[in-house]
Amino acid sequence: MSKDAKINDMLENGRIEPFTMLHDVLVNWWVIVIASLAAAILAYVGIAFTYEPDYTTSATFAITSKFETGSYSNLTTANQMAETFQKILESSAMNKILCEELDVDSIDAEVKSSVIPNTNLLELSVTSSSPRVAYDTIHAIMDNYTKVSYFSLGNAVMEPLNKPQIPMSPSNPLNPQRIMKLAFLAAAILSAGAFAVLSFFRDTIKQESEIELKLDARSLGELPFEMKYKTLKDLIKHRKSAILINQPLAGFSFVEGYRKFVSRLEYKMEKRNSKVLLVSSVSENEGKSTVAANIAISLAQRQKKVLIIDGDLRRPSQFLILNIQPQEIKELGEFLTDKVSSEELVTKTNVNGLFFIGGRNSYAMNSDILQSKNFKKMQKLINACKNLVDYIIIDSPPASFIGDAELLARCADEVLLVVRQNFILAEDINDVMDTFRASGCHVLGVVLNRVISLKHLTVQTLGHYSYSRYTQYGKDRGKANE
């Protein structure tokens, strides 16, 4: 199999998902920037510590022929002289003379001679770590080269055109900007590559094909990512709203994804003669509340009578998602504590055939509310509603924080787990499903939510979505986007 075929095979089988890698790289941009800045600073420190200034002084000679005066002959003589003069400068005789002249054991300087192109000018340069050594060396050469080159110069005459000067600044000035930029860029590339590799090996669910490979559950499909901000005005004002399939601005891919998913879900529930579905997730911010609302809306659009129950008494959100006015709501928490009757609970929504039971107030001790006799009241309420509607959708709290999801699941026929793409480790998802099953609940399957992949590229716009590992439940969050 060719290299390209292997890559295509990995892409098709979900082993490489470029968008999840890109997301993990972008979400860690601050780490990449810090690492790159540190690399640039280290590069500067390294350059500063290893930098040794060099000082160069030079003199220019005009090369002419003793017996020929033509410019061509002078050019030829200069070219011949350059090679000869360099050998003279490197000779042991010249080295001995310079050592005696300067009273040193060895010459700590680099001496070069070269012809200036298209001229009969020869440039002599001396480079040393000391400006004084460079200056003294070039003067010693100019004063003594004739002693060594008397027979080597032939008919060439070297006439100095300028006197060398003591160099006042290094010929190799410290210029760390380029090295620092390269170090910054290299560190950024390496850091981004490291996060991409970590993303590849991170054991999350990146594509639908991985659900049944990594999880002990059936796949019920995937739901594509949809932009939260539909207009520039919403983006500027940071106005968040629930993403529902009955909204005029909902994308075709988004609506079509739900149509296929709910069709499969309804088929599975009819096959098992189930009417009550609990929608949960491992952690918050996986989108389970929006998924629950869209399931209810989709079933209602199919001429079914649907009741959606907001079982998250700590952080209720369905009244916001379904745009139900607070004064219309009779609190579920009040019913469970014997303050209102069941006849007052049901609220109509703007969607034909869809009804709502829930609340808008937060009950901090909601785990106590669902215990003992209150839990039995919840069971009786749901059993009574079964005779009035075709489907009941329960939006539960995240399953990994408190025990409400497990308790509510005992009132349901089926449990649907919403898993956000590349968000939760497969091991943690399996642990939650094992908890449901240990309580006697049937896990109908898993749906992968907020999916961005290559196959959605042509119909989806890549948008920003937040990423985190686990966050402490109870922290204030925008439930309208759940």
Protein backbone atom coordinates (compact mmCIF):
# COMPACT_ATOMS: atom_id res chain seq x y z
CA MET A 1 0.00 0.00 0.00
CA SER A 2 1.36 3.40 -0.99
CA LYS A 3 1.95 6.21 1.51
CA ASP A 4 -1.03 8.21 0.19
CA ALA A 5 -3.27 5.13 0.35
CA LYS A 6 -2.27 4.53 3.98
CA ILE A 7 -3.08 8.13 4.89
CA ASN A 8 -6.45 7.91 3.11
CA ASP A 9 -7.20 4.65 4.90
CA MET A 10 -6.42 6.25 8.27
CA LEU A 11 -8.63 9.23 7.44
CA GLU A 12 -11.54 7.03 6.35
CA ASN A 13 -11.29 4.83 9.44
CA GLY A 14 -11.20 7.72 11.87
CA ARG A 15 -7.66 7.21 13.00
CA ILE A 16 -6.69 10.69 11.85
CA GLU A 17 -9.05 13.61 12.25
CA PRO A 18 -7.29 16.83 11.17
CA PHE A 19 -9.85 19.15 12.73
CA THR A 20 -9.54 17.65 16.21
CA MET A 21 -5.77 17.93 15.94
CA LEU A 22 -6.07 21.53 14.76
CA HIS A 23 -8.48 22.28 17.59
CA ASP A 24 -6.16 20.83 20.22
CA VAL A 25 -3.31 22.87 18.79
CA LEU A 26 -5.30 26.12 18.69
CA VAL A 27 -6.77 25.69 22.15
CA ASN A 28 -3.23 25.45 23.53
CA TRP A 29 -2.01 28.50 21.63
CA TRP A 30 -0.87 30.19 24.85
CA VAL A 31 1.41 27.26 25.69
CA ILE A 32 2.86 27.39 22.19
CA VAL A 33 3.45 31.14 22.47
CA ILE A 34 5.11 30.82 25.87
CA ALA A 35 7.33 27.97 24.65
CA SER A 36 8.28 29.96 21.55
CA LEU A 37 9.11 33.07 23.57
CA ALA A 38 11.20 30.98 25.96
CA ALA A 39 13.07 29.50 23.00
CA ALA A 40 13.72 32.97 21.59
CA ILE A 41 15.01 34.21 24.96
CA LEU A 42 17.25 31.16 25.38
CA ALA A 43 18.57 31.70 21.86
CA TYR A 44 19.43 35.31 22.75
CA VAL A 45 21.16 34.24 25.97
CA GLY A 46 23.10 31.57 24.11
CA ILE A 47 24.21 34.01 21.44
CA ALA A 48 25.20 36.61 24.02
CA PHE A 49 27.32 34.13 25.97
CA THR A 50 29.05 32.65 22.94
CA TYR A 51 29.47 35.86 20.98
CA GLU A 52 33.06 36.89 20.25
CA PRO A 53 33.48 40.16 18.39
CA ASP A 54 35.84 40.33 15.42
CA TYR A 55 37.51 43.50 14.22
CA THR A 56 38.60 43.97 10.63
CA THR A 57 40.83 46.58 9.08
CA SER A 58 41.80 46.76 5.43
CA ALA A 59 44.04 48.45 2.89
CA THR A 60 43.69 48.75 -0.88
CA PHE A 61 46.53 48.43 -3.41
CA ALA A 62 46.62 49.35 -7.06
CA ILE A 63 48.38 46.64 -9.11
CA THR A 64 50.25 47.77 -12.19
CA SER A 65 52.84 46.29 -14.50
CA LYS A 66 56.35 47.73 -14.65
CA PHE A 67 56.70 47.37 -18.41
CA GLU A 68 53.12 47.40 -19.75
CA THR A 69 50.72 50.25 -19.26
CA GLY A 70 47.47 48.92 -20.78
CA SER A 71 44.42 48.46 -18.59
CA TYR A 72 44.01 44.87 -19.77
CA SER A 73 47.54 44.00 -18.73
CA ASN A 74 46.95 45.64 -15.33
CA LEU A 75 43.78 43.55 -14.80
CA THR A 76 45.62 40.40 -15.74
CA THR A 77 48.50 41.29 -13.46
CA ALA A 78 46.10 42.00 -10.57
CA ASN A 79 44.38 38.62 -10.94
CA GLN A 80 47.69 36.82 -11.04
CA MET A 81 48.96 38.86 -8.12
CA ALA A 82 46.01 38.01 -5.84
CA GLU A 83 46.82 34.30 -5.76
CA THR A 84 50.55 34.93 -5.43
CA PHE A 85 50.15 37.49 -2.67
CA GLN A 86 47.92 35.19 -0.62
CA LYS A 87 50.61 32.52 -0.73
CA ILE A 88 53.14 35.10 0.41
CA LEU A 89 50.96 36.06 3.35
CA GLU A 90 50.57 32.41 4.37
CA SER A 91 54.23 31.60 4.04
CA SER A 92 56.37 30.69 7.05
CA ALA A 93 58.80 33.42 6.17
CA MET A 94 56.14 36.10 6.43
CA ASN A 95 54.80 34.56 9.63
CA LYS A 96 58.29 34.67 11.18
CA ILE A 97 58.78 38.29 10.18
CA LEU A 98 55.39 39.32 11.60
CA CYS A 99 56.04 37.52 14.90
CA GLU A 100 59.36 39.29 15.28
CA GLU A 101 57.87 42.62 14.29
CA LEU A 102 54.96 42.33 16.72
CA ASP A 103 56.99 40.52 19.41
CA VAL A 104 54.53 37.61 19.72
CA ASP A 105 54.78 33.83 19.47
CA SER A 106 51.98 33.49 16.93
CA ILE A 107 49.77 35.74 14.87
CA ASP A 108 46.23 35.90 16.27
CA ALA A 109 44.66 37.23 13.12
CA GLU A 110 43.18 36.09 9.82
CA VAL A 111 44.77 37.66 6.76
CA LYS A 112 43.13 37.65 3.34
CA SER A 113 43.75 39.27 -0.01
CA SER A 114 41.35 39.51 -2.94
CA VAL A 115 40.93 41.43 -6.18
CA ILE A 116 37.99 43.79 -6.44
CA PRO A 117 36.04 42.48 -9.47
CA ASN A 118 36.69 44.18 -12.82
CA THR A 119 39.46 46.34 -11.38
CA ASN A 120 43.19 46.21 -10.86
CA LEU A 121 42.66 46.84 -7.16
CA LEU A 122 43.71 44.35 -4.53
CA GLU A 123 42.22 44.49 -1.04
CA LEU A 124 44.17 43.30 1.97
CA SER A 125 42.13 42.63 5.13
CA VAL A 126 43.13 41.53 8.61
CA THR A 127 40.59 40.23 11.14
CA SER A 128 41.28 39.70 14.83
CA SER A 129 39.46 39.61 18.15
CA SER A 130 41.44 42.71 19.13
CA PRO A 131 41.21 45.92 17.09
CA ARG A 132 44.77 46.79 18.05
CA VAL A 133 46.12 43.43 16.92
CA ALA A 134 44.33 43.78 13.58
CA TYR A 135 45.74 47.27 13.07
CA ASP A 136 49.31 46.35 14.08
CA THR A 137 49.27 43.20 11.93
CA ILE A 138 48.19 44.96 8.73
CA HIS A 139 50.84 47.64 9.27
CA ALA A 140 53.49 45.00 9.83
CA ILE A 141 52.45 43.28 6.57
CA MET A 142 52.56 46.52 4.60
CA ASP A 143 55.97 47.35 6.01
CA ASN A 144 57.54 43.92 5.42
CA TYR A 145 55.82 42.14 2.52
CA THR A 146 58.49 43.32 0.06
CA LYS A 147 61.15 41.40 2.03
CA VAL A 148 59.41 38.14 1.19
CA SER A 149 57.91 38.96 -2.19
CA TYR A 150 60.83 40.61 -3.96
CA PHE A 151 61.28 37.70 -6.35
CA SER A 152 57.62 36.64 -6.38
CA LEU A 153 56.04 39.85 -7.58
CA GLY A 154 57.83 39.79 -10.91
CA ASN A 155 56.95 42.87 -12.93
CA ALA A 156 53.97 43.72 -10.65
CA VAL A 157 53.97 46.92 -8.68
CA MET A 158 51.74 47.29 -5.56
CA GLU A 159 50.92 50.87 -4.72
CA PRO A 160 48.94 51.51 -1.48
CA LEU A 161 45.91 53.72 -2.06
CA ASN A 162 44.75 54.19 1.54
CA LYS A 163 46.05 53.79 5.03
CA PRO A 164 44.37 51.26 7.32
CA GLN A 165 42.52 52.54 10.37
CA ILE A 166 41.98 51.08 13.82
CA PRO A 167 38.53 49.43 13.64
CA MET A 168 36.13 51.04 16.09
CA SER A 169 33.28 48.51 15.85
CA PRO A 170 33.08 44.76 15.29
CA SER A 171 32.87 43.46 11.75
CA ASN A 172 30.46 40.77 13.01
CA PRO A 173 28.05 42.84 15.12
CA LEU A 174 25.77 41.01 17.51
CA ASN A 175 22.50 40.70 15.59
CA PRO A 176 20.31 38.16 17.41
CA GLN A 177 17.00 39.11 15.81
CA ARG A 178 17.22 36.57 13.00
CA ILE A 179 18.32 33.74 15.31
CA MET A 180 15.60 34.64 17.80
CA LYS A 181 12.97 34.64 15.06
CA LEU A 182 14.15 31.27 13.82
CA ALA A 183 14.16 29.89 17.38
CA PHE A 184 10.64 31.25 17.95
CA LEU A 185 9.38 29.71 14.71
CA ALA A 186 11.09 26.37 15.32
CA ALA A 187 9.70 26.16 18.87
CA ALA A 188 6.22 27.06 17.63
CA ILE A 189 6.34 24.33 14.99
CA LEU A 190 7.69 21.74 17.42
CA SER A 191 5.14 22.67 20.11
CA ALA A 192 2.26 22.57 17.66
CA GLY A 193 3.51 19.22 16.37
CA ALA A 194 3.72 17.88 19.92
CA PHE A 195 0.12 18.87 20.65
CA ALA A 196 -0.98 17.32 17.35
CA VAL A 197 0.73 14.05 18.30
CA LEU A 198 -0.79 14.14 21.79
CA SER A 199 -4.20 14.78 20.23
CA PHE A 200 -3.74 11.77 17.96
CA PHE A 201 -2.95 9.47 20.88
CA ARG A 202 -5.50 11.00 23.28
CA ASP A 203 -8.17 8.38 23.86
CA THR A 204 -11.24 10.44 23.08
CA ILE A 205 -13.99 9.91 20.52
CA LYS A 206 -13.00 11.84 17.43
CA GLN A 207 -15.28 10.25 14.81
CA GLU A 208 -18.45 8.21 14.81
CA SER A 209 -16.54 5.14 13.65
CA GLU A 210 -14.67 5.15 16.97
CA ILE A 211 -17.80 4.86 19.12
CA GLU A 212 -18.25 1.13 18.73
CA LEU A 213 -14.49 0.56 18.65
CA LYS A 214 -13.80 2.30 21.96
CA LEU A 215 -17.13 2.25 23.77
CA ASP A 216 -19.36 -0.53 24.98
CA ALA A 217 -22.38 0.96 23.20
CA ARG A 218 -24.05 1.30 19.85
CA SER A 219 -23.60 4.38 17.72
CA LEU A 220 -26.78 6.30 16.95
CA GLY A 221 -25.02 8.74 14.64
CA GLU A 222 -23.25 12.06 14.75
CA LEU A 223 -24.51 15.63 14.93
CA PRO A 224 -22.51 18.27 13.05
CA PHE A 225 -21.20 21.41 14.68
CA GLU A 226 -23.31 24.53 14.13
CA MET A 227 -22.22 28.12 14.60
CA LYS A 228 -23.57 29.79 17.73
CA TYR A 229 -23.31 33.26 16.23
CA LYS A 230 -25.57 33.56 13.21
CA THR A 231 -24.99 37.23 12.46
CA LEU A 232 -22.15 39.72 12.81
CA LYS A 233 -24.25 41.61 15.35
CA ASP A 234 -24.54 38.48 17.52
CA LEU A 235 -20.80 37.93 17.28
CA ILE A 236 -19.99 41.51 18.27
CA LYS A 237 -22.42 41.44 21.20
CA HIS A 238 -21.36 37.89 22.11
CA ARG A 239 -25.03 36.97 22.10
CA LYS A 240 -25.47 33.25 22.65
CA SER A 241 -28.65 31.37 21.81
CA ALA A 242 -29.72 27.76 21.68
CA ILE A 243 -29.22 26.06 18.32
CA LEU A 244 -32.56 24.51 17.38
CA ILE A 245 -33.53 22.69 14.20
CA ASN A 246 -36.71 24.75 13.76
CA GLN A 247 -34.82 28.04 13.53
CA PRO A 248 -34.81 29.66 10.07
CA LEU A 249 -31.02 30.16 10.17
CA ALA A 250 -30.21 26.56 11.11
CA GLY A 251 -27.84 25.04 8.56
CA PHE A 252 -28.93 22.27 6.22
CA SER A 253 -26.23 19.91 7.44
CA PHE A 254 -27.27 20.51 11.04
CA VAL A 255 -30.98 19.88 10.39
CA GLU A 256 -30.29 16.87 8.16
CA GLY A 257 -27.99 15.38 10.80
CA TYR A 258 -30.78 15.55 13.37
CA ARG A 259 -33.33 14.14 10.91
CA LYS A 260 -31.24 11.02 10.36
CA PHE A 261 -30.35 10.68 14.03
CA VAL A 262 -33.93 11.03 15.32
CA SER A 263 -35.19 8.59 12.69
CA ARG A 264 -32.75 6.00 13.95
CA LEU A 265 -33.57 6.86 17.56
CA GLU A 266 -37.32 6.57 17.01
CA TYR A 267 -36.89 3.23 15.24
CA LYS A 268 -34.83 1.84 18.13
CA MET A 269 -37.38 3.03 20.70
CA GLU A 270 -40.36 1.65 18.76
CA LYS A 271 -38.55 -1.65 18.39
CA ARG A 272 -38.26 -1.90 22.18
CA ASN A 273 -41.70 -0.35 22.75
CA SER A 274 -40.05 2.45 24.74
CA LYS A 275 -41.60 5.84 25.42
CA VAL A 276 -39.34 7.51 28.00
CA LEU A 277 -35.84 8.58 26.98
CA LEU A 278 -33.29 10.07 29.37
CA VAL A 279 -30.66 12.24 27.70
CA SER A 280 -27.44 12.58 29.66
CA SER A 281 -23.72 13.14 29.25
CA VAL A 282 -20.57 12.47 31.21
CA SER A 283 -19.66 16.12 31.76
CA GLU A 284 -21.21 19.51 31.29
CA ASN A 285 -20.71 21.52 28.09
CA GLU A 286 -21.24 18.48 25.88
CA GLY A 287 -24.51 19.84 24.45
CA LYS A 288 -26.95 17.32 25.96
CA SER A 289 -29.65 19.92 26.77
CA THR A 290 -29.71 21.21 23.20
CA VAL A 291 -29.75 17.64 21.89
CA ALA A 292 -32.69 16.80 24.20
CA ALA A 293 -34.62 19.87 23.01
CA ASN A 294 -33.97 19.10 19.35
CA ILE A 295 -35.03 15.47 19.77
CA ALA A 296 -38.29 16.66 21.28
CA ILE A 297 -38.84 19.24 18.53
CA SER A 298 -38.03 16.72 15.79
CA LEU A 299 -40.50 14.17 17.20
CA ALA A 300 -43.16 16.88 17.56
CA GLN A 301 -42.64 17.82 13.91
CA ARG A 302 -43.50 14.20 13.07
CA GLN A 303 -46.97 14.73 14.55
CA LYS A 304 -46.06 13.09 17.85
CA LYS A 305 -47.14 14.38 21.24
CA VAL A 306 -43.94 14.96 23.19
CA LEU A 307 -43.24 16.00 26.77
CA ILE A 308 -39.79 17.27 27.68
CA ILE A 309 -38.86 17.28 31.37
CA ASP A 310 -35.96 19.36 32.65
CA GLY A 311 -34.55 17.12 35.35
CA ASP A 312 -31.59 19.36 36.14
CA LEU A 313 -32.94 21.08 39.22
CA ARG A 314 -29.58 22.66 40.01
CA ARG A 315 -29.06 24.37 36.66
CA PRO A 316 -32.30 24.34 34.64
CA SER A 317 -31.93 25.39 31.02
CA GLN A 318 -34.81 24.09 28.93
CA PHE A 319 -37.00 27.13 29.66
CA LEU A 320 -34.29 29.26 28.05
CA ILE A 321 -33.72 26.90 25.14
CA LEU A 322 -37.46 26.63 24.36
CA ASN A 323 -38.01 30.34 25.04
CA ILE A 324 -40.66 29.79 27.72
CA GLN A 325 -41.58 32.86 29.73
CA PRO A 326 -40.78 32.49 33.46
CA GLN A 327 -44.33 33.39 34.56
CA GLU A 328 -45.69 30.46 32.61
CA ILE A 329 -43.58 27.91 34.49
CA LYS A 330 -44.79 25.85 37.40
CA GLU A 331 -41.70 24.57 39.15
CA LEU A 332 -41.01 20.84 39.12
CA GLY A 333 -39.12 21.31 42.37
CA GLU A 334 -42.24 22.80 43.98
CA PHE A 335 -44.26 19.75 42.89
CA LEU A 336 -41.74 17.35 44.38
CA THR A 337 -41.91 19.21 47.69
CA ASP A 338 -45.74 19.16 47.69
CA LYS A 339 -46.22 22.86 47.01
CA VAL A 340 -48.05 22.55 43.66
CA SER A 341 -50.17 19.80 42.10
CA SER A 342 -49.31 17.79 39.02
CA GLU A 343 -52.16 19.42 37.05
CA GLU A 344 -50.34 22.76 37.20
CA LEU A 345 -46.97 21.47 35.96
CA VAL A 346 -47.41 21.11 32.21
CA THR A 347 -46.59 24.17 30.09
CA LYS A 348 -47.24 24.55 26.39
CA THR A 349 -44.37 25.56 24.13
CA ASN A 350 -44.24 27.40 20.84
CA VAL A 351 -43.86 24.07 19.04
CA ASN A 352 -47.11 22.28 18.23
CA GLY A 353 -47.36 19.00 20.07
CA LEU A 354 -44.50 19.77 22.46
CA PHE A 355 -45.11 20.25 26.18
CA PHE A 356 -42.76 21.13 29.01
CA ILE A 357 -42.30 20.29 32.68
CA GLY A 358 -39.42 21.86 34.54
CA GLY A 359 -38.51 25.11 36.16
CA ARG A 360 -36.30 28.13 36.17
CA ASN A 361 -35.21 28.24 39.82
CA SER A 362 -32.10 26.52 41.11
CA TYR A 363 -32.45 23.98 43.89
CA ALA A 364 -29.05 23.55 45.48
CA MET A 365 -30.15 20.46 47.43
CA ASN A 366 -31.73 18.77 44.43
CA SER A 367 -30.20 15.38 45.31
CA ASP A 368 -32.26 15.40 48.51
CA ILE A 369 -35.37 16.43 46.58
CA LEU A 370 -35.19 13.33 44.39
CA GLN A 371 -34.70 10.94 47.30
CA SER A 372 -37.25 8.57 48.88
CA LYS A 373 -40.89 9.65 48.58
CA ASN A 374 -40.08 12.52 46.21
CA PHE A 375 -38.47 10.07 43.80
CA LYS A 376 -41.63 7.94 43.93
CA LYS A 377 -43.66 11.04 43.06
CA MET A 378 -41.40 11.55 40.07
CA GLN A 379 -41.97 7.98 38.95
CA LYS A 380 -45.75 8.33 39.32
CA LEU A 381 -45.68 11.61 37.39
CA ILE A 382 -43.80 10.06 34.49
CA ASN A 383 -46.00 6.96 34.47
CA ALA A 384 -49.08 9.17 34.38
CA CYS A 385 -47.68 11.22 31.51
CA LYS A 386 -47.00 8.07 29.50
CA ASN A 387 -50.71 7.72 28.91
CA LEU A 388 -51.00 11.29 27.63
CA VAL A 389 -48.10 11.62 25.18
CA ASP A 390 -46.21 9.50 22.68
CA TYR A 391 -42.72 10.28 24.00
CA ILE A 392 -41.19 11.70 27.15
CA ILE A 393 -37.70 13.22 26.93
CA ILE A 394 -35.88 13.77 30.24
CA ASP A 395 -32.95 16.21 30.26
CA SER A 396 -30.80 15.03 33.16
CA PRO A 397 -27.78 16.61 34.87
CA PRO A 398 -24.32 15.37 33.80
CA ALA A 399 -23.84 11.83 35.04
CA SER A 400 -20.33 12.19 36.46
CA PHE A 401 -21.05 14.87 39.09
CA ILE A 402 -24.06 13.92 41.19
CA GLY A 403 -26.42 10.96 41.40
CA ASP A 404 -29.49 12.63 39.87
CA ALA A 405 -28.88 11.22 36.41
CA GLU A 406 -28.77 7.69 37.79
CA LEU A 407 -31.97 8.25 39.77
CA LEU A 408 -33.81 9.78 36.82
CA ALA A 409 -32.62 6.96 34.57
CA ARG A 410 -34.62 4.53 36.71
CA CYS A 411 -37.73 6.39 35.60
CA ALA A 412 -36.82 6.02 31.92
CA ASP A 413 -37.05 3.17 29.45
CA GLU A 414 -33.86 4.14 27.65
CA VAL A 415 -30.72 6.17 28.25
CA LEU A 416 -29.06 8.17 25.48
CA LEU A 417 -25.54 9.38 26.15
CA VAL A 418 -24.42 12.54 24.36
CA VAL A 419 -20.66 12.56 23.77
CA ARG A 420 -18.95 15.68 22.51
CA GLN A 421 -16.28 15.16 19.89
CA ASN A 422 -12.74 14.94 21.31
CA PHE A 423 -13.83 16.00 24.78
CA ILE A 424 -14.06 13.12 27.26
CA LEU A 425 -11.80 10.08 27.57
CA ALA A 426 -13.33 6.84 26.36
CA GLU A 427 -12.56 5.22 29.72
CA ASP A 428 -14.67 7.79 31.57
CA ILE A 429 -17.56 7.37 29.14
CA ASN A 430 -17.52 3.60 29.65
CA ASP A 431 -17.48 4.09 33.42
CA VAL A 432 -20.64 6.21 33.27
CA MET A 433 -22.42 3.67 31.06
CA ASP A 434 -21.42 0.90 33.48
CA THR A 435 -22.96 2.94 36.30
CA PHE A 436 -26.25 3.23 34.41
CA ARG A 437 -26.29 -0.46 33.61
CA ALA A 438 -25.47 -1.41 37.20
CA SER A 439 -28.64 0.47 38.19
CA GLY A 440 -30.71 -1.64 35.82
CA CYS A 441 -30.96 1.03 33.10
CA HIS A 442 -30.75 0.23 29.41
CA VAL A 443 -28.28 2.35 27.46
CA LEU A 444 -29.82 2.73 24.02
CA GLY A 445 -26.68 4.15 22.49
CA VAL A 446 -24.33 7.07 22.02
CA VAL A 447 -24.57 10.08 19.72
CA LEU A 448 -21.43 12.05 18.87
CA ASN A 449 -22.16 15.76 19.16
CA ARG A 450 -20.65 18.95 17.70
CA VAL A 451 -18.68 17.09 15.07
CA ILE A 452 -16.28 18.88 12.74
CA SER A 453 -14.67 16.65 10.12
CA LEU A 454 -13.50 16.62 6.51
CA LYS A 455 -16.82 15.38 5.21
CA HIS A 456 -18.57 18.39 6.77
CA LEU A 457 -16.08 20.87 5.37
CA THR A 458 -18.06 21.77 2.27
CA VAL A 459 -21.29 22.43 4.15
CA GLN A 460 -20.06 23.67 7.49
CA THR A 461 -18.14 26.74 8.59
CA LEU A 462 -15.36 26.08 11.03
CA GLY A 463 -16.26 28.03 14.16
CA HIS A 464 -14.88 28.58 17.58
CA TYR A 465 -15.95 26.25 20.34
CA SER A 466 -14.63 26.08 23.83
CA TYR A 467 -12.65 23.13 25.07
CA SER A 468 -11.91 21.94 28.53
CA ARG A 469 -11.39 18.73 30.43
CA TYR A 470 -13.68 18.49 33.43
CA THR A 471 -15.04 21.54 35.19
CA GLN A 472 -16.50 21.56 38.66
CA TYR A 473 -20.23 21.11 38.43
CA GLY A 474 -22.09 23.99 39.97
CA LYS A 475 -19.91 26.60 38.29
CA ASP A 476 -22.02 29.15 36.53
CA ARG A 477 -22.37 28.37 32.83
CA GLY A 478 -24.37 29.43 29.85
CA LYS A 479 -27.03 26.75 29.92
CA ALA A 480 -28.68 28.11 26.80
CA ASN A 481 -25.77 26.62 24.88
CA GLU A 482 -25.74 23.28 26.70
